[in-house]
Amino acid sequence: MTFEEAVDRKSERAEIDAYLGDRPGPVADRVFSDRPGRVPTAPARGWRARQRKAESCDRCEGDLWVEAPDGSHVPCDCRRRRADGRARNRLRAGNWWRGSSLSFAAPPLAQVPSEVGADIERLCGAVLAGEGGQGLWLVGDEGQNKSALCAYLGQRLFPAGKVAVEHLGDLLAHLRWLGAVRGEGAVEEKLAKLAHVPLLVIDDLDRPVRSFPVTTALAMRESASSRDLLRLYELLDERVSSALPFVVTSRVEPGRCAEHVTAISRVDLVRALVATASGAADPIEDFPSYTLGLITKVVDQLQEACRLVQLSSERRLDQAA
C-alpha cells in the first residue's frame, strides 16, 4: 500500500479545519482620525512660577549661574541679593519674631515705656551714623517684650549691615555645631564677625536655653559647657576692649547673670556625663571656678559699658489700663 492510499484525506482536512477554526481572528486595523483633539485654553501647568523665575534676574534668568568669558559657569551676582532678601524676611516675620514688621505704635512694642523706646531710637540713629553710642542692658521678667525689642533692632539695622541679633542659647549651640562639623576655623570666623559688627544684640544673656528642638538625645538644652563659656568670654571681652556697643537682655540683675549662665541643670549634667563616657563630647566642666571667674569679670565690664534699663511689669499694666 502506497503512502497516498494510507492517508485519509477527509480526516486530515477535518483536523486542519478544526485547527484553523480555533485560531483567533485577524486583528482589525486601528482607525485614525485627522480631526484635531482638545485645544489647550491656557499655558502649561506651572507657567507662573517659570515666568517669575525668568523675570527675577535679567542676567541669569533665575538659573543662578552665568557663563564666564572662558566658557566656565560662575555664580550670578543675584545670589547675594537673594540671600539678603531671605535674611530680611526672616527678621521681619519669621524665625526671630512671629509677626509682621514691628513698630512702637502697635503692640507689642506699644506697651514698652516711651523712655525705653526713645533710648532704642537714639541708639539706632547713633549706629547708623557710625557714632557707636552707649549700650543698653534691658532687665525684665518674662513677657516684658525684651525679645521684641531685639527683633526691632534687627529690623532697623540689619538692611544696613550694622547689627547681629543672637539668642545666647542658639548662638552657643550653633558654635558647637560649627566646631563639630566644620572645625575651629569656622568658629573663629563666626566669632570674628560678631566681634566687629557695629552693634551686637544678645537676648537672654542669663539663660543659655535653645529655642529650637535638638536633633540628638545627648545634646544640652538649658546649659553651657566650659568650651561654650570660654567662647562667650572671648566674644564679650573683645567687644568691650574695642568699646563697641551692646544691647543685652536678661531676667535677672547683671550681678547675678554670671552665676545663672554658668549653672548647669541636673538633666544636662547627666546628658553631658553620658556623652563624655561614650566619647561623643568633651568634658562639660574642666575648671568650673576658672570659667565662673572669667564670665564674672567680663559681665562686670559689660555692665559698666551699658546703661541699665528696668522694664517694669507694673508700669506696663498701668499703661494697658
C-alpha atoms as a PDB file:
ATOM      1  CA  MET A   1       0.000   0.000   0.000  1.00  0.00           C
ATOM      2  CA  THR A   2       1.380   3.308  -1.011  1.00  0.00           C
ATOM      3  CA  PHE A   3       1.530   6.395   1.286  1.00  0.00           C
ATOM      4  CA  GLU A   4      -1.188   8.228  -0.587  1.00  0.00           C
ATOM      5  CA  GLU A   5      -3.520   5.273  -0.147  1.00  0.00           C
ATOM      6  CA  ALA A   6      -2.779   5.044   3.629  1.00  0.00           C
ATOM      7  CA  VAL A   7      -3.567   8.711   4.342  1.00  0.00           C
ATOM      8  CA  ASP A   8      -7.186   9.573   4.970  1.00  0.00           C
ATOM      9  CA  ARG A   9      -7.680  12.820   3.143  1.00  0.00           C
ATOM     10  CA  LYS A  10     -11.015  13.569   4.711  1.00  0.00           C
ATOM     11  CA  SER A  11      -9.874  13.152   8.313  1.00  0.00           C
ATOM     12  CA  GLU A  12      -6.756  15.217   7.628  1.00  0.00           C
ATOM     13  CA  ARG A  13      -8.836  18.041   6.153  1.00  0.00           C
ATOM     14  CA  ALA A  14     -11.168  17.897   9.136  1.00  0.00           C
ATOM     15  CA  GLU A  15      -8.226  18.313  11.533  1.00  0.00           C
ATOM     16  CA  ILE A  16      -6.901  21.259   9.531  1.00  0.00           C
ATOM     17  CA  ASP A  17     -10.320  22.944   9.502  1.00  0.00           C
ATOM     18  CA  ALA A  18     -10.667  22.432  13.261  1.00  0.00           C
ATOM     19  CA  TYR A  19      -7.247  23.960  13.865  1.00  0.00           C
ATOM     20  CA  LEU A  20      -7.993  26.960  11.724  1.00  0.00           C
ATOM     21  CA  GLY A  21     -11.311  27.425  13.469  1.00  0.00           C
ATOM     22  CA  ASP A  22      -9.693  27.552  16.926  1.00  0.00           C
ATOM     23  CA  ARG A  23      -7.197  30.321  15.992  1.00  0.00           C
ATOM     24  CA  PRO A  24      -8.118  33.934  16.931  1.00  0.00           C
ATOM     25  CA  GLY A  25      -9.426  36.081  14.195  1.00  0.00           C
ATOM     26  CA  PRO A  26      -7.373  38.771  12.496  1.00  0.00           C
ATOM     27  CA  VAL A  27      -6.794  41.994  14.462  1.00  0.00           C
ATOM     28  CA  ALA A  28      -8.647  44.890  12.957  1.00  0.00           C
ATOM     29  CA  ASP A  29      -6.533  47.846  11.973  1.00  0.00           C
ATOM     30  CA  ARG A  30      -6.849  50.976  14.169  1.00  0.00           C
ATOM     31  CA  VAL A  31      -8.807  53.768  12.675  1.00  0.00           C
ATOM     32  CA  PHE A  32      -7.099  57.136  12.975  1.00  0.00           C
ATOM     33  CA  SER A  33      -8.877  60.417  12.637  1.00  0.00           C
ATOM     34  CA  ASP A  34      -7.467  63.575  11.114  1.00  0.00           C
ATOM     35  CA  ARG A  35      -9.591  65.827  13.334  1.00  0.00           C
ATOM     36  CA  PRO A  36      -7.704  67.828  15.991  1.00  0.00           C
ATOM     37  CA  GLY A  37      -8.215  66.965  19.655  1.00  0.00           C
ATOM     38  CA  ARG A  38      -8.765  69.273  22.607  1.00  0.00           C
ATOM     39  CA  VAL A  39      -7.138  72.637  22.057  1.00  0.00           C
ATOM     40  CA  PRO A  40      -5.315  73.979  25.194  1.00  0.00           C
ATOM     41  CA  THR A  41      -7.046  77.057  26.589  1.00  0.00           C
ATOM     42  CA  ALA A  42      -4.166  78.157  28.903  1.00  0.00           C
ATOM     43  CA  PRO A  43      -0.396  77.765  29.258  1.00  0.00           C
ATOM     44  CA  ALA A  44       1.096  74.602  30.668  1.00  0.00           C
ATOM     45  CA  ARG A  45       0.987  73.903  34.367  1.00  0.00           C
ATOM     46  CA  GLY A  46       3.433  75.920  36.478  1.00  0.00           C
ATOM     47  CA  TRP A  47       3.896  78.699  33.948  1.00  0.00           C
ATOM     48  CA  ARG A  48       3.596  81.437  36.586  1.00  0.00           C
ATOM     49  CA  ALA A  49       6.500  80.039  38.592  1.00  0.00           C
ATOM     50  CA  ARG A  50       8.613  79.717  35.450  1.00  0.00           C
ATOM     51  CA  GLN A  51       7.754  83.265  34.443  1.00  0.00           C
ATOM     52  CA  ARG A  52       8.664  84.667  37.876  1.00  0.00           C
ATOM     53  CA  LYS A  53      11.913  82.736  37.793  1.00  0.00           C
ATOM     54  CA  ALA A  54      12.821  84.100  34.359  1.00  0.00           C
ATOM     55  CA  GLU A  55      11.970  87.678  35.367  1.00  0.00           C
ATOM     56  CA  SER A  56      13.835  87.532  38.694  1.00  0.00           C
ATOM     57  CA  CYS A  57      17.188  88.316  37.087  1.00  0.00           C
ATOM     58  CA  ASP A  58      17.927  89.748  33.646  1.00  0.00           C
ATOM     59  CA  ARG A  59      21.368  88.196  33.589  1.00  0.00           C
ATOM     60  CA  CYS A  60      20.834  84.558  34.610  1.00  0.00           C
ATOM     61  CA  GLU A  61      17.009  84.398  34.201  1.00  0.00           C
ATOM     62  CA  GLY A  62      16.655  82.657  37.541  1.00  0.00           C
ATOM     63  CA  ASP A  63      19.224  79.901  36.960  1.00  0.00           C
ATOM     64  CA  LEU A  64      21.693  81.477  39.479  1.00  0.00           C
ATOM     65  CA  TRP A  65      24.601  80.586  37.155  1.00  0.00           C
ATOM     66  CA  VAL A  66      26.101  82.529  34.261  1.00  0.00           C
ATOM     67  CA  GLU A  67      28.713  81.669  31.669  1.00  0.00           C
ATOM     68  CA  ALA A  68      32.096  83.332  32.040  1.00  0.00           C
ATOM     69  CA  PRO A  69      34.180  84.524  29.046  1.00  0.00           C
ATOM     70  CA  ASP A  70      36.356  81.413  29.320  1.00  0.00           C
ATOM     71  CA  GLY A  71      33.333  79.131  28.983  1.00  0.00           C
ATOM     72  CA  SER A  72      33.066  78.122  32.646  1.00  0.00           C
ATOM     73  CA  HIS A  73      29.969  78.657  34.767  1.00  0.00           C
ATOM     74  CA  VAL A  74      30.176  81.013  37.750  1.00  0.00           C
ATOM     75  CA  PRO A  75      27.539  82.088  40.332  1.00  0.00           C
ATOM     76  CA  CYS A  76      25.411  85.055  39.345  1.00  0.00           C
ATOM     77  CA  ASP A  77      25.554  88.329  41.273  1.00  0.00           C
ATOM     78  CA  CYS A  78      21.884  87.987  42.185  1.00  0.00           C
ATOM     79  CA  ARG A  79      22.704  85.263  44.708  1.00  0.00           C
ATOM     80  CA  ARG A  80      23.835  87.842  47.261  1.00  0.00           C
ATOM     81  CA  ARG A  81      20.674  89.864  46.691  1.00  0.00           C
ATOM     82  CA  ARG A  82      18.506  86.784  47.187  1.00  0.00           C
ATOM     83  CA  ALA A  83      20.366  85.816  50.390  1.00  0.00           C
ATOM     84  CA  ASP A  84      19.928  89.325  51.810  1.00  0.00           C
ATOM     85  CA  GLY A  85      16.244  89.223  50.971  1.00  0.00           C
ATOM     86  CA  ARG A  86      15.772  85.892  52.738  1.00  0.00           C
ATOM     87  CA  ALA A  87      17.566  87.233  55.803  1.00  0.00           C
ATOM     88  CA  ARG A  88      15.390  90.351  55.857  1.00  0.00           C
ATOM     89  CA  ASN A  89      12.259  88.232  55.584  1.00  0.00           C
ATOM     90  CA  ARG A  90      13.378  86.027  58.478  1.00  0.00           C
ATOM     91  CA  LEU A  91      13.931  89.083  60.629  1.00  0.00           C
ATOM     92  CA  ARG A  92      10.712  90.746  59.521  1.00  0.00           C
ATOM     93  CA  ALA A  93       8.204  87.956  60.069  1.00  0.00           C
ATOM     94  CA  GLY A  94       9.906  84.631  60.508  1.00  0.00           C
ATOM     95  CA  ASN A  95      12.256  82.957  62.909  1.00  0.00           C
ATOM     96  CA  TRP A  96      13.058  85.859  65.230  1.00  0.00           C
ATOM     97  CA  TRP A  97       9.616  87.283  65.869  1.00  0.00           C
ATOM     98  CA  ARG A  98       6.355  85.709  64.746  1.00  0.00           C
ATOM     99  CA  GLY A  99       4.522  88.593  63.169  1.00  0.00           C
ATOM    100  CA  SER A 100       4.823  91.464  60.741  1.00  0.00           C
ATOM    101  CA  SER A 101       7.138  94.458  60.913  1.00  0.00           C
ATOM    102  CA  LEU A 102       7.455  95.837  64.433  1.00  0.00           C
ATOM    103  CA  SER A 103       6.721  99.418  65.430  1.00  0.00           C
ATOM    104  CA  PHE A 104       6.391 101.335  68.702  1.00  0.00           C
ATOM    105  CA  ALA A 105       2.969 102.492  67.512  1.00  0.00           C
ATOM    106  CA  ALA A 106       1.465  98.987  67.609  1.00  0.00           C
ATOM    107  CA  PRO A 107       1.529  96.026  70.003  1.00  0.00           C
ATOM    108  CA  PRO A 108       3.611  94.512  71.411  1.00  0.00           C
ATOM    109  CA  LEU A 109       6.082  97.413  71.373  1.00  0.00           C
ATOM    110  CA  ALA A 110       3.312  99.898  72.168  1.00  0.00           C
ATOM    111  CA  GLN A 111       3.394  98.513  75.728  1.00  0.00           C
ATOM    112  CA  VAL A 112       7.065  99.446  76.137  1.00  0.00           C
ATOM    113  CA  PRO A 113       7.677 102.648  78.158  1.00  0.00           C
ATOM    114  CA  SER A 114       8.280 105.676  75.998  1.00  0.00           C
ATOM    115  CA  GLU A 115      11.666 106.318  77.648  1.00  0.00           C
ATOM    116  CA  VAL A 116      12.878 102.890  76.558  1.00  0.00           C
ATOM    117  CA  GLY A 117      11.616 103.466  73.018  1.00  0.00           C
ATOM    118  CA  ALA A 118      13.447 106.793  72.898  1.00  0.00           C
ATOM    119  CA  ASP A 119      16.664 105.102  74.042  1.00  0.00           C
ATOM    120  CA  ILE A 120      16.311 102.437  71.359  1.00  0.00           C
ATOM    121  CA  GLU A 121      15.687 105.020  68.642  1.00  0.00           C
ATOM    122  CA  ARG A 122      18.628 107.114  69.839  1.00  0.00           C
ATOM    123  CA  LEU A 123      20.908 104.092  69.715  1.00  0.00           C
ATOM    124  CA  CYS A 124      19.702 103.176  66.201  1.00  0.00           C
ATOM    125  CA  GLY A 125      20.459 106.681  64.983  1.00  0.00           C
ATOM    126  CA  ALA A 126      23.936 106.648  66.505  1.00  0.00           C
ATOM    127  CA  VAL A 127      24.795 103.266  64.995  1.00  0.00           C
ATOM    128  CA  LEU A 128      23.536 104.283  61.553  1.00  0.00           C
ATOM    129  CA  ALA A 129      25.621 107.449  61.765  1.00  0.00           C
ATOM    130  CA  GLY A 130      28.698 105.428  62.733  1.00  0.00           C
ATOM    131  CA  GLU A 131      28.993 107.061  66.147  1.00  0.00           C
ATOM    132  CA  GLY A 132      28.616 103.919  68.264  1.00  0.00           C
ATOM    133  CA  GLY A 133      26.809 105.138  71.365  1.00  0.00           C
ATOM    134  CA  GLN A 134      26.293 103.694  74.810  1.00  0.00           C
ATOM    135  CA  GLY A 135      24.919 100.189  75.085  1.00  0.00           C
ATOM    136  CA  LEU A 136      21.770  99.129  76.918  1.00  0.00           C
ATOM    137  CA  TRP A 137      21.128  96.322  79.389  1.00  0.00           C
ATOM    138  CA  LEU A 138      17.395  95.561  79.479  1.00  0.00           C
ATOM    139  CA  VAL A 139      16.216  93.708  82.590  1.00  0.00           C
ATOM    140  CA  GLY A 140      12.673  92.404  82.922  1.00  0.00           C
ATOM    141  CA  ASP A 141      10.580  89.349  83.668  1.00  0.00           C
ATOM    142  CA  GLU A 142       9.011  87.073  81.099  1.00  0.00           C
ATOM    143  CA  GLY A 143       6.538  88.879  78.872  1.00  0.00           C
ATOM    144  CA  GLN A 144       8.256  92.284  79.061  1.00  0.00           C
ATOM    145  CA  ASN A 145       8.864  92.359  75.266  1.00  0.00           C
ATOM    146  CA  LYS A 146      12.631  92.046  75.533  1.00  0.00           C
ATOM    147  CA  SER A 147      12.803  89.714  72.523  1.00  0.00           C
ATOM    148  CA  ALA A 148      10.515  92.058  70.577  1.00  0.00           C
ATOM    149  CA  LEU A 149      12.926  94.939  71.200  1.00  0.00           C
ATOM    150  CA  CYS A 150      15.812  92.796  69.953  1.00  0.00           C
ATOM    151  CA  ALA A 151      13.837  91.913  66.830  1.00  0.00           C
ATOM    152  CA  TYR A 152      13.042  95.596  66.260  1.00  0.00           C
ATOM    153  CA  LEU A 153      16.739  96.460  66.381  1.00  0.00           C
ATOM    154  CA  GLY A 154      17.400  93.735  63.848  1.00  0.00           C
ATOM    155  CA  GLN A 155      14.704  95.042  61.512  1.00  0.00           C
ATOM    156  CA  ARG A 156      16.015  98.603  61.727  1.00  0.00           C
ATOM    157  CA  LEU A 157      19.736  97.957  61.340  1.00  0.00           C
ATOM    158  CA  PHE A 158      20.141  94.649  59.515  1.00  0.00           C
ATOM    159  CA  PRO A 159      19.475  96.036  55.992  1.00  0.00           C
ATOM    160  CA  ALA A 160      22.430  98.395  56.551  1.00  0.00           C
ATOM    161  CA  GLY A 161      24.635  95.583  57.849  1.00  0.00           C
ATOM    162  CA  LYS A 162      25.034  97.277  61.231  1.00  0.00           C
ATOM    163  CA  VAL A 163      23.724  94.658  63.660  1.00  0.00           C
ATOM    164  CA  ALA A 164      23.836  90.997  64.652  1.00  0.00           C
ATOM    165  CA  VAL A 165      20.983  89.641  66.794  1.00  0.00           C
ATOM    166  CA  GLU A 166      21.507  86.379  68.662  1.00  0.00           C
ATOM    167  CA  HIS A 167      19.804  84.252  71.301  1.00  0.00           C
ATOM    168  CA  LEU A 168      22.516  83.143  73.695  1.00  0.00           C
ATOM    169  CA  GLY A 169      21.389  79.502  73.740  1.00  0.00           C
ATOM    170  CA  ASP A 170      21.050  79.328  69.953  1.00  0.00           C
ATOM    171  CA  LEU A 171      24.411  81.046  69.459  1.00  0.00           C
ATOM    172  CA  LEU A 172      26.268  78.595  71.709  1.00  0.00           C
ATOM    173  CA  ALA A 173      24.522  75.631  70.059  1.00  0.00           C
ATOM    174  CA  HIS A 174      25.448  76.953  66.610  1.00  0.00           C
ATOM    175  CA  LEU A 175      29.091  77.363  67.655  1.00  0.00           C
ATOM    176  CA  ARG A 176      29.129  73.777  68.939  1.00  0.00           C
ATOM    177  CA  TRP A 177      27.758  72.596  65.601  1.00  0.00           C
ATOM    178  CA  LEU A 178      30.321  74.624  63.665  1.00  0.00           C
ATOM    179  CA  GLY A 179      33.172  73.198  65.730  1.00  0.00           C
ATOM    180  CA  ALA A 180      31.979  69.620  65.257  1.00  0.00           C
ATOM    181  CA  VAL A 181      31.165  69.841  61.542  1.00  0.00           C
ATOM    182  CA  ARG A 182      33.440  72.499  60.042  1.00  0.00           C
ATOM    183  CA  GLY A 183      36.223  72.811  62.597  1.00  0.00           C
ATOM    184  CA  GLU A 184      37.508  75.523  64.883  1.00  0.00           C
ATOM    185  CA  GLY A 185      38.345  77.756  61.938  1.00  0.00           C
ATOM    186  CA  ALA A 186      34.646  78.256  61.218  1.00  0.00           C
ATOM    187  CA  VAL A 187      34.031  79.018  64.899  1.00  0.00           C
ATOM    188  CA  GLU A 188      36.748  81.666  64.938  1.00  0.00           C
ATOM    189  CA  GLU A 189      35.362  83.205  61.751  1.00  0.00           C
ATOM    190  CA  LYS A 190      31.873  83.415  63.260  1.00  0.00           C
ATOM    191  CA  LEU A 191      33.208  84.958  66.473  1.00  0.00           C
ATOM    192  CA  ALA A 192      35.268  87.471  64.489  1.00  0.00           C
ATOM    193  CA  LYS A 193      32.159  88.633  62.599  1.00  0.00           C
ATOM    194  CA  LEU A 194      30.238  89.081  65.830  1.00  0.00           C
ATOM    195  CA  ALA A 195      33.177  90.849  67.473  1.00  0.00           C
ATOM    196  CA  HIS A 196      33.442  93.524  64.778  1.00  0.00           C
ATOM    197  CA  VAL A 197      29.792  94.187  63.915  1.00  0.00           C
ATOM    198  CA  PRO A 198      28.791  97.767  64.883  1.00  0.00           C
ATOM    199  CA  LEU A 199      26.025  96.596  67.273  1.00  0.00           C
ATOM    200  CA  LEU A 200      25.665  93.185  68.901  1.00  0.00           C
ATOM    201  CA  VAL A 201      22.309  92.244  70.426  1.00  0.00           C
ATOM    202  CA  ILE A 202      22.229  89.241  72.780  1.00  0.00           C
ATOM    203  CA  ASP A 203      18.856  88.098  74.073  1.00  0.00           C
ATOM    204  CA  ASP A 204      18.603  86.214  77.395  1.00  0.00           C
ATOM    205  CA  LEU A 205      22.245  86.513  78.431  1.00  0.00           C
ATOM    206  CA  ASP A 206      21.410  84.747  81.702  1.00  0.00           C
ATOM    207  CA  ARG A 207      19.652  81.761  80.061  1.00  0.00           C
ATOM    208  CA  PRO A 208      21.586  79.589  77.560  1.00  0.00           C
ATOM    209  CA  VAL A 209      18.339  77.892  76.508  1.00  0.00           C
ATOM    210  CA  ARG A 210      17.895  76.679  72.952  1.00  0.00           C
ATOM    211  CA  SER A 211      14.777  77.926  71.184  1.00  0.00           C
ATOM    212  CA  PHE A 212      14.751  75.164  68.532  1.00  0.00           C
ATOM    213  CA  PRO A 213      14.449  71.388  69.027  1.00  0.00           C
ATOM    214  CA  VAL A 214      17.569  69.291  69.344  1.00  0.00           C
ATOM    215  CA  THR A 215      18.491  66.508  66.928  1.00  0.00           C
ATOM    216  CA  THR A 216      20.356  64.200  69.327  1.00  0.00           C
ATOM    217  CA  ALA A 217      19.328  62.855  72.706  1.00  0.00           C
ATOM    218  CA  LEU A 218      22.612  63.852  74.391  1.00  0.00           C
ATOM    219  CA  ALA A 219      22.565  67.493  73.266  1.00  0.00           C
ATOM    220  CA  MET A 220      22.325  70.088  76.040  1.00  0.00           C
ATOM    221  CA  ARG A 221      19.122  72.090  76.220  1.00  0.00           C
ATOM    222  CA  GLU A 222      19.496  74.632  79.017  1.00  0.00           C
ATOM    223  CA  SER A 223      23.196  74.726  79.964  1.00  0.00           C
ATOM    224  CA  ALA A 224      26.604  75.674  78.592  1.00  0.00           C
ATOM    225  CA  SER A 225      29.829  73.699  78.672  1.00  0.00           C
ATOM    226  CA  SER A 226      33.210  75.093  79.665  1.00  0.00           C
ATOM    227  CA  ARG A 227      34.156  75.500  75.994  1.00  0.00           C
ATOM    228  CA  ASP A 228      30.940  77.436  75.362  1.00  0.00           C
ATOM    229  CA  LEU A 229      31.721  79.760  78.278  1.00  0.00           C
ATOM    230  CA  LEU A 230      35.267  80.359  77.026  1.00  0.00           C
ATOM    231  CA  ARG A 231      33.941  81.280  73.588  1.00  0.00           C
ATOM    232  CA  LEU A 232      31.414  83.629  75.164  1.00  0.00           C
ATOM    233  CA  TYR A 233      34.158  85.235  77.234  1.00  0.00           C
ATOM    234  CA  GLU A 234      36.354  85.798  74.171  1.00  0.00           C
ATOM    235  CA  LEU A 235      33.491  87.433  72.279  1.00  0.00           C
ATOM    236  CA  LEU A 236      32.397  89.750  75.082  1.00  0.00           C
ATOM    237  CA  ASP A 237      35.946  90.654  76.121  1.00  0.00           C
ATOM    238  CA  GLU A 238      36.987  91.616  72.599  1.00  0.00           C
ATOM    239  CA  ARG A 239      33.957  93.832  72.063  1.00  0.00           C
ATOM    240  CA  VAL A 240      34.311  95.506  75.460  1.00  0.00           C
ATOM    241  CA  SER A 241      38.001  96.159  74.769  1.00  0.00           C
ATOM    242  CA  SER A 242      37.071  97.707  71.397  1.00  0.00           C
ATOM    243  CA  ALA A 243      34.365  99.882  73.025  1.00  0.00           C
ATOM    244  CA  LEU A 244      31.687  98.576  70.649  1.00  0.00           C
ATOM    245  CA  PRO A 245      28.069  98.909  71.846  1.00  0.00           C
ATOM    246  CA  PHE A 246      25.850  96.096  73.097  1.00  0.00           C
ATOM    247  CA  VAL A 247      22.172  95.584  73.711  1.00  0.00           C
ATOM    248  CA  VAL A 248      21.736  92.818  76.268  1.00  0.00           C
ATOM    249  CA  THR A 249      18.575  91.416  77.842  1.00  0.00           C
ATOM    250  CA  SER A 250      18.193  89.259  80.926  1.00  0.00           C
ATOM    251  CA  ARG A 251      15.623  88.259  83.510  1.00  0.00           C
ATOM    252  CA  VAL A 252      17.957  88.753  86.483  1.00  0.00           C
ATOM    253  CA  GLU A 253      20.114  91.643  87.582  1.00  0.00           C
ATOM    254  CA  PRO A 254      23.576  91.932  85.966  1.00  0.00           C
ATOM    255  CA  GLY A 255      25.242  90.952  89.234  1.00  0.00           C
ATOM    256  CA  ARG A 256      23.564  87.529  89.163  1.00  0.00           C
ATOM    257  CA  CYS A 257      23.883  86.960  85.430  1.00  0.00           C
ATOM    258  CA  ALA A 258      27.271  85.175  85.565  1.00  0.00           C
ATOM    259  CA  GLU A 259      26.012  82.768  88.205  1.00  0.00           C
ATOM    260  CA  HIS A 260      22.972  81.861  86.111  1.00  0.00           C
ATOM    261  CA  VAL A 261      24.778  81.424  82.790  1.00  0.00           C
ATOM    262  CA  THR A 262      27.462  79.157  84.284  1.00  0.00           C
ATOM    263  CA  ALA A 263      24.991  76.979  86.184  1.00  0.00           C
ATOM    264  CA  ILE A 264      24.159  73.568  84.750  1.00  0.00           C
ATOM    265  CA  SER A 265      20.890  71.755  85.161  1.00  0.00           C
ATOM    266  CA  ARG A 266      20.873  68.243  86.526  1.00  0.00           C
ATOM    267  CA  VAL A 267      19.372  66.759  83.362  1.00  0.00           C
ATOM    268  CA  ASP A 268      22.003  68.400  81.160  1.00  0.00           C
ATOM    269  CA  LEU A 269      24.705  67.211  83.546  1.00  0.00           C
ATOM    270  CA  VAL A 270      23.542  63.619  83.086  1.00  0.00           C
ATOM    271  CA  ARG A 271      23.456  64.067  79.311  1.00  0.00           C
ATOM    272  CA  ALA A 272      26.960  65.514  79.328  1.00  0.00           C
ATOM    273  CA  LEU A 273      28.372  62.736  81.522  1.00  0.00           C
ATOM    274  CA  VAL A 274      26.868  60.055  79.272  1.00  0.00           C
ATOM    275  CA  ALA A 275      28.187  61.812  76.163  1.00  0.00           C
ATOM    276  CA  THR A 276      31.643  62.138  77.748  1.00  0.00           C
ATOM    277  CA  ALA A 277      31.725  58.470  78.781  1.00  0.00           C
ATOM    278  CA  SER A 278      30.723  57.383  75.279  1.00  0.00           C
ATOM    279  CA  GLY A 279      33.296  59.681  73.648  1.00  0.00           C
ATOM    280  CA  ALA A 280      30.645  61.778  71.885  1.00  0.00           C
ATOM    281  CA  ALA A 281      31.577  65.053  73.596  1.00  0.00           C
ATOM    282  CA  ASP A 282      34.262  66.798  75.612  1.00  0.00           C
ATOM    283  CA  PRO A 283      34.012  67.050  79.412  1.00  0.00           C
ATOM    284  CA  ILE A 284      31.319  69.537  80.304  1.00  0.00           C
ATOM    285  CA  GLU A 285      33.268  71.333  83.071  1.00  0.00           C
ATOM    286  CA  ASP A 286      37.022  71.008  83.398  1.00  0.00           C
ATOM    287  CA  PHE A 287      37.612  74.064  85.609  1.00  0.00           C
ATOM    288  CA  PRO A 288      34.268  75.416  86.886  1.00  0.00           C
ATOM    289  CA  SER A 289      35.775  78.067  89.155  1.00  0.00           C
ATOM    290  CA  TYR A 290      38.028  79.312  86.358  1.00  0.00           C
ATOM    291  CA  THR A 291      35.206  79.781  83.843  1.00  0.00           C
ATOM    292  CA  LEU A 292      32.979  81.343  86.511  1.00  0.00           C
ATOM    293  CA  GLY A 293      35.704  83.861  87.273  1.00  0.00           C
ATOM    294  CA  LEU A 294      36.137  84.763  83.610  1.00  0.00           C
ATOM    295  CA  ILE A 295      32.411  85.219  82.993  1.00  0.00           C
ATOM    296  CA  THR A 296      32.018  87.260  86.187  1.00  0.00           C
ATOM    297  CA  LYS A 297      34.855  89.548  85.135  1.00  0.00           C
ATOM    298  CA  VAL A 298      33.583  90.178  81.617  1.00  0.00           C
ATOM    299  CA  VAL A 299      29.975  90.627  82.793  1.00  0.00           C
ATOM    300  CA  ASP A 300      31.119  93.294  85.241  1.00  0.00           C
ATOM    301  CA  GLN A 301      32.937  95.077  82.416  1.00  0.00           C
ATOM    302  CA  LEU A 302      29.856  94.759  80.219  1.00  0.00           C
ATOM    303  CA  GLN A 303      27.689  96.231  82.965  1.00  0.00           C
ATOM    304  CA  GLU A 304      29.972  99.268  83.167  1.00  0.00           C
ATOM    305  CA  ALA A 305      29.778  99.742  79.390  1.00  0.00           C
ATOM    306  CA  CYS A 306      25.965  99.540  79.270  1.00  0.00           C
ATOM    307  CA  ARG A 307      23.226 101.579  80.892  1.00  0.00           C
ATOM    308  CA  LEU A 308      20.805  99.552  82.959  1.00  0.00           C
ATOM    309  CA  VAL A 309      17.129  99.804  81.937  1.00  0.00           C
ATOM    310  CA  GLN A 310      14.419  98.218  84.058  1.00  0.00           C
ATOM    311  CA  LEU A 311      11.266  97.035  82.296  1.00  0.00           C
ATOM    312  CA  SER A 312       8.577  97.240  84.968  1.00  0.00           C
ATOM    313  CA  SER A 313       5.539  94.994  84.694  1.00  0.00           C
ATOM    314  CA  GLU A 314       3.521  97.294  86.986  1.00  0.00           C
ATOM    315  CA  ARG A 315       4.009 100.252  84.674  1.00  0.00           C
ATOM    316  CA  ARG A 316       3.049  98.147  81.689  1.00  0.00           C
ATOM    317  CA  LEU A 317      -0.198  97.113  83.398  1.00  0.00           C
ATOM    318  CA  ASP A 318      -0.938 100.756  84.238  1.00  0.00           C
ATOM    319  CA  GLN A 319      -0.481 101.747  80.590  1.00  0.00           C
ATOM    320  CA  ALA A 320      -2.714  98.900  79.416  1.00  0.00           C
ATOM    321  CA  ALA A 321      -5.413 100.009  81.869  1.00  0.00           C
END
